[in-house]
Amino acid sequence: MTLKEISTSLGYQSPNGYYYLESGRSKFTADTLAQVSIILNVPLIDLFCEVEDHERTDKINI
């Protein structure tokens, strides 16, 4: 998916809005992060850590 496609899906008028989030210039809100997870069809946890890190946390009993 392109930067423009994700930006449009999130309601930005230009790709810059999402680019600023992705580059760390702006911060994601919880709602926006959840929307990105849906748009990309990935579990929300995958946006926070590497897959191998996620596999380790799955094995931890809390």
N, C-alpha and C. Protein backbone atom coordinates (compact mmCIF):
# COMPACT_ATOMS: atom_id res chain seq x y z
N MET A 1 0.85 -1.17 0.00
CA MET A 1 0.00 0.00 0.00
C MET A 1 0.90 1.23 0.00
N THR A 2 0.53 2.21 -0.78
CA THR A 2 1.35 3.42 -0.88
C THR A 2 1.03 4.41 0.24
N LEU A 3 1.93 5.34 0.43
CA LEU A 3 1.74 6.40 1.41
C LEU A 3 0.46 7.18 1.10
N LYS A 4 0.23 7.44 -0.17
CA LYS A 4 -0.97 8.18 -0.58
C LYS A 4 -2.24 7.40 -0.26
N GLU A 5 -2.23 6.09 -0.50
CA GLU A 5 -3.41 5.26 -0.22
C GLU A 5 -3.72 5.23 1.27
N ILE A 6 -2.70 5.06 2.10
CA ILE A 6 -2.93 5.04 3.55
C ILE A 6 -3.41 6.41 4.01
N SER A 7 -2.79 7.47 3.50
CA SER A 7 -3.19 8.83 3.88
C SER A 7 -4.66 9.08 3.55
N THR A 8 -5.06 8.68 2.35
CA THR A 8 -6.45 8.86 1.92
C THR A 8 -7.39 8.04 2.81
N SER A 9 -7.01 6.81 3.11
CA SER A 9 -7.84 5.94 3.96
C SER A 9 -8.03 6.53 5.36
N LEU A 10 -7.03 7.25 5.83
CA LEU A 10 -7.11 7.87 7.16
C LEU A 10 -7.78 9.23 7.14
N GLY A 11 -8.09 9.73 5.94
CA GLY A 11 -8.80 11.00 5.82
C GLY A 11 -7.91 12.22 5.65
N TYR A 12 -6.61 12.01 5.42
CA TYR A 12 -5.72 13.14 5.18
C TYR A 12 -5.91 13.65 3.76
N GLN A 13 -5.77 14.95 3.57
CA GLN A 13 -5.93 15.54 2.25
C GLN A 13 -4.68 15.37 1.40
N SER A 14 -3.54 15.15 2.05
CA SER A 14 -2.30 14.91 1.31
C SER A 14 -1.51 13.83 2.05
N PRO A 15 -0.56 13.22 1.37
CA PRO A 15 0.26 12.19 2.01
C PRO A 15 1.12 12.71 3.16
N ASN A 16 1.34 14.02 3.22
CA ASN A 16 2.19 14.58 4.27
C ASN A 16 1.70 14.28 5.68
N GLY A 17 0.39 14.28 5.89
CA GLY A 17 -0.16 14.01 7.22
C GLY A 17 0.28 12.67 7.76
N TYR A 18 0.17 11.64 6.95
CA TYR A 18 0.59 10.32 7.39
C TYR A 18 2.11 10.20 7.41
N TYR A 19 2.78 10.83 6.46
CA TYR A 19 4.24 10.80 6.42
C TYR A 19 4.81 11.33 7.73
N TYR A 20 4.24 12.41 8.24
CA TYR A 20 4.72 12.98 9.51
C TYR A 20 4.58 11.98 10.66
N LEU A 21 3.50 11.20 10.65
CA LEU A 21 3.32 10.17 11.67
C LEU A 21 4.38 9.08 11.52
N GLU A 22 4.51 8.59 10.30
CA GLU A 22 5.42 7.47 10.05
C GLU A 22 6.88 7.84 10.30
N SER A 23 7.22 9.10 10.06
CA SER A 23 8.61 9.53 10.24
C SER A 23 8.91 9.96 11.67
N GLY A 24 7.88 10.02 12.52
CA GLY A 24 8.09 10.41 13.91
C GLY A 24 7.99 11.90 14.16
N ARG A 25 7.67 12.64 13.13
CA ARG A 25 7.52 14.09 13.27
C ARG A 25 6.27 14.44 14.08
N SER A 26 5.24 13.63 13.95
CA SER A 26 4.01 13.74 14.74
C SER A 26 3.79 12.42 15.45
N LYS A 27 2.93 12.41 16.46
CA LYS A 27 2.67 11.19 17.21
C LYS A 27 1.31 10.60 16.81
N PHE A 28 1.28 9.26 16.76
CA PHE A 28 0.04 8.56 16.49
C PHE A 28 -0.88 8.67 17.70
N THR A 29 -2.17 8.85 17.45
CA THR A 29 -3.15 8.68 18.52
C THR A 29 -3.51 7.20 18.56
N ALA A 30 -4.10 6.77 19.63
CA ALA A 30 -4.53 5.37 19.74
C ALA A 30 -5.53 5.03 18.63
N ASP A 31 -6.43 5.95 18.34
CA ASP A 31 -7.43 5.72 17.30
C ASP A 31 -6.79 5.57 15.92
N THR A 32 -5.84 6.44 15.62
CA THR A 32 -5.17 6.37 14.32
C THR A 32 -4.37 5.08 14.19
N LEU A 33 -3.71 4.69 15.24
CA LEU A 33 -2.94 3.45 15.22
C LEU A 33 -3.86 2.25 14.99
N ALA A 34 -5.02 2.26 15.62
CA ALA A 34 -5.99 1.18 15.42
C ALA A 34 -6.48 1.17 13.97
N GLN A 35 -6.72 2.35 13.40
CA GLN A 35 -7.15 2.43 12.00
C GLN A 35 -6.07 1.88 11.06
N VAL A 36 -4.83 2.22 11.31
CA VAL A 36 -3.72 1.72 10.48
C VAL A 36 -3.66 0.20 10.54
N SER A 37 -3.85 -0.35 11.72
CA SER A 37 -3.84 -1.80 11.87
C SER A 37 -4.94 -2.45 11.03
N ILE A 38 -6.10 -1.83 10.99
CA ILE A 38 -7.21 -2.34 10.17
C ILE A 38 -6.90 -2.19 8.69
N ILE A 39 -6.41 -1.02 8.30
CA ILE A 39 -6.10 -0.76 6.89
C ILE A 39 -5.05 -1.74 6.38
N LEU A 40 -4.02 -1.99 7.18
CA LEU A 40 -2.94 -2.89 6.77
C LEU A 40 -3.25 -4.36 7.03
N ASN A 41 -4.37 -4.60 7.73
CA ASN A 41 -4.81 -5.96 8.05
C ASN A 41 -3.74 -6.71 8.84
N VAL A 42 -3.21 -6.04 9.87
CA VAL A 42 -2.22 -6.65 10.76
C VAL A 42 -2.68 -6.47 12.20
N PRO A 43 -2.32 -7.38 13.09
CA PRO A 43 -2.66 -7.20 14.50
C PRO A 43 -2.02 -5.92 15.05
N LEU A 44 -2.71 -5.25 15.90
CA LEU A 44 -2.23 -4.00 16.48
C LEU A 44 -0.87 -4.18 17.14
N ILE A 45 -0.64 -5.29 17.81
CA ILE A 45 0.63 -5.54 18.50
C ILE A 45 1.81 -5.52 17.52
N ASP A 46 1.58 -5.91 16.27
CA ASP A 46 2.65 -5.91 15.27
C ASP A 46 3.13 -4.50 14.93
N LEU A 47 2.35 -3.50 15.23
CA LEU A 47 2.77 -2.12 14.98
C LEU A 47 3.66 -1.59 16.10
N PHE A 48 3.74 -2.33 17.20
CA PHE A 48 4.54 -1.91 18.34
C PHE A 48 5.90 -2.58 18.42
N CYS A 49 6.02 -3.79 17.88
CA CYS A 49 7.27 -4.52 18.04
C CYS A 49 7.52 -5.43 16.86
N GLU A 50 8.75 -5.92 16.79
CA GLU A 50 9.12 -6.87 15.75
C GLU A 50 8.39 -8.19 15.99
N VAL A 51 8.19 -8.95 14.94
CA VAL A 51 7.46 -10.22 15.06
C VAL A 51 8.13 -11.15 16.07
N GLU A 52 9.45 -11.25 16.04
CA GLU A 52 10.12 -12.16 16.97
C GLU A 52 9.91 -11.69 18.42
N ASP A 53 9.84 -10.39 18.66
CA ASP A 53 9.55 -9.88 20.00
C ASP A 53 8.14 -10.27 20.41
N HIS A 54 7.21 -10.16 19.48
CA HIS A 54 5.82 -10.50 19.73
C HIS A 54 5.70 -11.98 20.08
N GLU A 55 6.44 -12.83 19.38
CA GLU A 55 6.39 -14.27 19.67
C GLU A 55 6.87 -14.54 21.09
N ARG A 56 7.88 -13.80 21.54
CA ARG A 56 8.36 -13.99 22.91
C ARG A 56 7.31 -13.56 23.92
N THR A 57 6.61 -12.46 23.68
CA THR A 57 5.62 -11.98 24.63
C THR A 57 4.41 -12.89 24.68
N ASP A 58 4.13 -13.62 23.58
CA ASP A 58 3.03 -14.58 23.58
C ASP A 58 3.30 -15.72 24.57
N LYS A 59 4.56 -15.99 24.84
CA LYS A 59 4.92 -17.12 25.70
C LYS A 59 5.02 -16.72 27.17
N ILE A 60 4.88 -15.44 27.46
CA ILE A 60 4.97 -14.97 28.83
C ILE A 60 3.58 -15.04 29.48
N ASN A 61 3.48 -15.70 30.60
CA ASN A 61 2.22 -15.75 31.33
C ASN A 61 2.20 -14.63 32.34
N ILE A 62 1.20 -13.79 32.20
CA ILE A 62 1.08 -12.66 33.15
C ILE A 62 -0.09 -12.91 34.08
